[in-house]
Amino acid sequence: MANEDRKDFNVMLHDRKDMPKFQTITDKASIEKYGGNRMYFAPPIDYDAVMKMIPCGKVITVGKIREYFAIKSGTDFTEPITAGVFVSIAAWASHQREKDKTPFWRTLKANGELNEKYPGGAMAQKEKLEAEGHTIIQKGRKNIRYYVKDYERVLFELK
């Protein structure tokens, strides 16, 4: 996201944008990729609510949140692009609030990767996760990325 200092992410977080909503897709490649044609769109505030459920010492991935919403809504999958955007909105909204913080740093990208788009970038997320006992590993030489080591062992199970 750009110009974060000029945006009110808490307004964006509470804008439901006619969601939740359902859509039937017809693109064969997408149906094959996502395992069905019934797609769910969760509103930004729902991502924030799930992210607040993750306790200290645990992590979750955006993909696991999407799976949870798909199961809960009875659809085949949750739309992936808005999921990434809404997780970032939840992170920035928390960053802008004085109270009722969301532990957004516990929500990882695929394969346990840290999110460069969070407030302070991957390094700020790294510091918060290390303070909670996680080991962060670096991969790559030019395109450096950071991951929670063995993140699968500390994944929070949504029910």
Protein backbone atom coordinates (compact mmCIF):
# COMPACT_ATOMS: atom_id res chain seq x y z
CA MET A 1 0.00 0.00 0.00
CA ALA A 2 1.12 3.52 -0.61
CA ASN A 3 0.64 6.76 1.35
CA GLU A 4 -0.29 4.94 4.54
CA ASP A 5 0.15 8.11 6.60
CA ARG A 6 -2.66 9.80 4.63
CA LYS A 7 -5.24 7.03 4.93
CA ASP A 8 -7.67 6.27 7.72
CA PHE A 9 -7.40 2.50 7.88
CA ASN A 10 -9.98 2.22 10.65
CA VAL A 11 -12.60 3.70 8.32
CA MET A 12 -11.49 1.21 5.65
CA LEU A 13 -11.63 -1.64 8.20
CA HIS A 14 -15.28 -0.91 9.01
CA ASP A 15 -16.38 -0.42 5.38
CA ARG A 16 -18.15 -3.70 4.63
CA LYS A 17 -18.26 -3.03 0.85
CA ASP A 18 -21.49 -5.07 0.51
CA MET A 19 -19.75 -8.04 2.11
CA PRO A 20 -20.00 -10.80 2.99
CA LYS A 21 -20.89 -11.89 -0.50
CA PHE A 22 -20.78 -14.99 -2.62
CA GLN A 23 -19.90 -15.41 -6.26
CA THR A 24 -20.02 -18.31 -8.67
CA ILE A 25 -17.02 -18.35 -10.97
CA THR A 26 -16.96 -19.92 -14.41
CA ASP A 27 -13.28 -19.71 -15.36
CA LYS A 28 -12.12 -23.32 -15.70
CA ALA A 29 -8.52 -22.58 -14.68
CA SER A 30 -9.66 -20.84 -11.47
CA ILE A 31 -12.12 -23.62 -10.66
CA GLU A 32 -9.33 -26.15 -11.03
CA LYS A 33 -6.86 -24.05 -9.04
CA TYR A 34 -9.20 -23.39 -6.11
CA GLY A 35 -11.12 -26.66 -6.13
CA GLY A 36 -14.59 -25.36 -6.90
CA ASN A 37 -16.68 -22.55 -8.27
CA ARG A 38 -18.24 -21.05 -5.13
CA MET A 39 -16.17 -18.10 -3.93
CA TYR A 40 -16.63 -16.15 -0.70
CA PHE A 41 -15.70 -12.54 0.05
CA ALA A 42 -15.27 -11.73 3.74
CA PRO A 43 -15.36 -8.09 4.89
CA PRO A 44 -12.19 -6.49 6.29
CA ILE A 45 -13.49 -6.45 9.87
CA ASP A 46 -13.84 -10.25 9.80
CA TYR A 47 -10.12 -10.63 9.06
CA ASP A 48 -9.36 -8.32 11.98
CA ALA A 49 -11.58 -10.41 14.28
CA VAL A 50 -9.77 -13.63 13.34
CA MET A 51 -6.34 -12.00 13.67
CA LYS A 52 -7.26 -10.94 17.22
CA MET A 53 -7.87 -14.60 18.13
CA ILE A 54 -4.23 -15.62 17.65
CA PRO A 55 -2.53 -15.91 21.06
CA CYS A 56 1.06 -15.08 21.92
CA GLY A 57 3.36 -17.91 20.85
CA LYS A 58 1.12 -18.93 17.95
CA VAL A 59 0.89 -17.81 14.32
CA ILE A 60 -1.52 -18.20 11.43
CA THR A 61 -1.25 -17.76 7.67
CA VAL A 62 -3.56 -15.77 5.44
CA GLY A 63 -4.28 -19.07 3.65
CA LYS A 64 -5.50 -20.68 6.88
CA ILE A 65 -7.79 -17.72 7.52
CA ARG A 66 -9.15 -18.08 3.98
CA GLU A 67 -9.76 -21.81 4.56
CA TYR A 68 -11.59 -21.01 7.80
CA PHE A 69 -13.89 -18.50 6.05
CA ALA A 70 -14.61 -20.93 3.21
CA ILE A 71 -15.60 -23.69 5.65
CA LYS A 72 -17.63 -21.31 7.80
CA SER A 73 -19.47 -19.89 4.77
CA GLY A 74 -20.00 -23.26 3.04
CA THR A 75 -18.11 -22.21 -0.07
CA ASP A 76 -15.21 -23.77 -1.95
CA PHE A 77 -12.73 -20.96 -1.29
CA THR A 78 -12.28 -17.38 -0.11
CA GLU A 79 -11.17 -14.80 -2.65
CA PRO A 80 -7.36 -14.49 -2.31
CA ILE A 81 -6.64 -10.93 -3.51
CA THR A 82 -9.01 -9.17 -1.13
CA ALA A 83 -7.77 -11.45 1.67
CA GLY A 84 -4.24 -10.06 1.35
CA VAL A 85 -5.47 -6.49 1.09
CA PHE A 86 -7.83 -6.83 4.06
CA VAL A 87 -5.15 -8.39 6.28
CA SER A 88 -2.95 -5.37 5.51
CA ILE A 89 -5.82 -2.99 6.26
CA ALA A 90 -6.33 -4.71 9.63
CA ALA A 91 -2.62 -4.34 10.40
CA TRP A 92 -2.50 -0.65 9.51
CA ALA A 93 -5.78 0.06 11.33
CA SER A 94 -4.33 -1.48 14.49
CA HIS A 95 -1.16 0.55 14.04
CA GLN A 96 -3.25 3.74 13.90
CA ARG A 97 -5.32 2.92 17.01
CA GLU A 98 -4.37 3.76 20.58
CA LYS A 99 -6.47 0.93 22.07
CA ASP A 100 -7.87 -2.45 21.03
CA LYS A 101 -4.73 -3.48 19.16
CA THR A 102 -4.70 -6.43 16.78
CA PRO A 103 -1.60 -8.69 16.97
CA PHE A 104 -1.22 -8.54 13.19
CA TRP A 105 2.43 -9.64 13.32
CA ARG A 106 1.21 -13.16 14.11
CA THR A 107 -0.47 -13.42 10.68
CA LEU A 108 2.00 -14.68 8.08
CA LYS A 109 2.01 -15.06 4.35
CA ALA A 110 2.26 -18.49 2.69
CA ASN A 111 4.99 -20.83 3.95
CA GLY A 112 5.47 -18.77 7.11
CA GLU A 113 6.82 -15.70 5.30
CA LEU A 114 6.83 -12.33 7.04
CA ASN A 115 4.81 -9.54 5.45
CA GLU A 116 6.77 -6.57 4.12
CA LYS A 117 3.52 -4.59 3.76
CA TYR A 118 2.83 -4.45 7.49
CA PRO A 119 3.66 -1.29 9.49
CA GLY A 120 7.44 -1.16 9.84
CA GLY A 121 7.87 -3.89 7.24
CA ALA A 122 9.24 -7.38 7.77
CA MET A 123 11.90 -6.19 10.21
CA ALA A 124 9.33 -4.79 12.65
CA GLN A 125 7.32 -8.02 12.35
CA LYS A 126 10.53 -9.99 12.91
CA GLU A 127 11.25 -8.11 16.15
CA LYS A 128 7.75 -8.71 17.51
CA LEU A 129 7.79 -12.42 16.62
CA GLU A 130 11.26 -12.94 18.11
CA ALA A 131 10.08 -11.22 21.31
CA GLU A 132 7.35 -13.88 21.48
CA GLY A 133 9.89 -16.70 21.16
CA HIS A 134 9.84 -17.45 17.43
CA THR A 135 12.99 -18.04 15.42
CA ILE A 136 13.15 -16.07 12.18
CA ILE A 137 15.25 -17.31 9.27
CA GLN A 138 16.42 -15.43 6.21
CA LYS A 139 16.29 -16.85 2.70
CA GLY A 140 17.80 -15.47 -0.47
CA ARG A 141 20.79 -13.34 -1.30
CA LYS A 142 19.40 -10.58 -3.49
CA ASN A 143 15.69 -10.91 -2.88
CA ILE A 144 15.89 -11.45 0.88
CA ARG A 145 12.81 -12.80 2.61
CA TYR A 146 12.17 -13.74 6.21
CA TYR A 147 10.25 -16.74 7.55
CA VAL A 148 9.19 -18.15 10.90
CA LYS A 149 11.22 -21.32 11.32
CA ASP A 150 9.04 -24.43 11.64
CA TYR A 151 5.93 -22.24 11.63
CA GLU A 152 3.73 -25.31 11.08
CA ARG A 153 4.47 -26.42 14.66
CA VAL A 154 3.01 -23.22 16.11
CA LEU A 155 0.03 -22.72 13.79
CA PHE A 156 -3.12 -21.73 15.62
CA GLU A 157 -6.09 -23.96 14.82
CA LEU A 158 -9.26 -21.99 14.05
CA LYS A 159 -12.45 -23.78 15.01
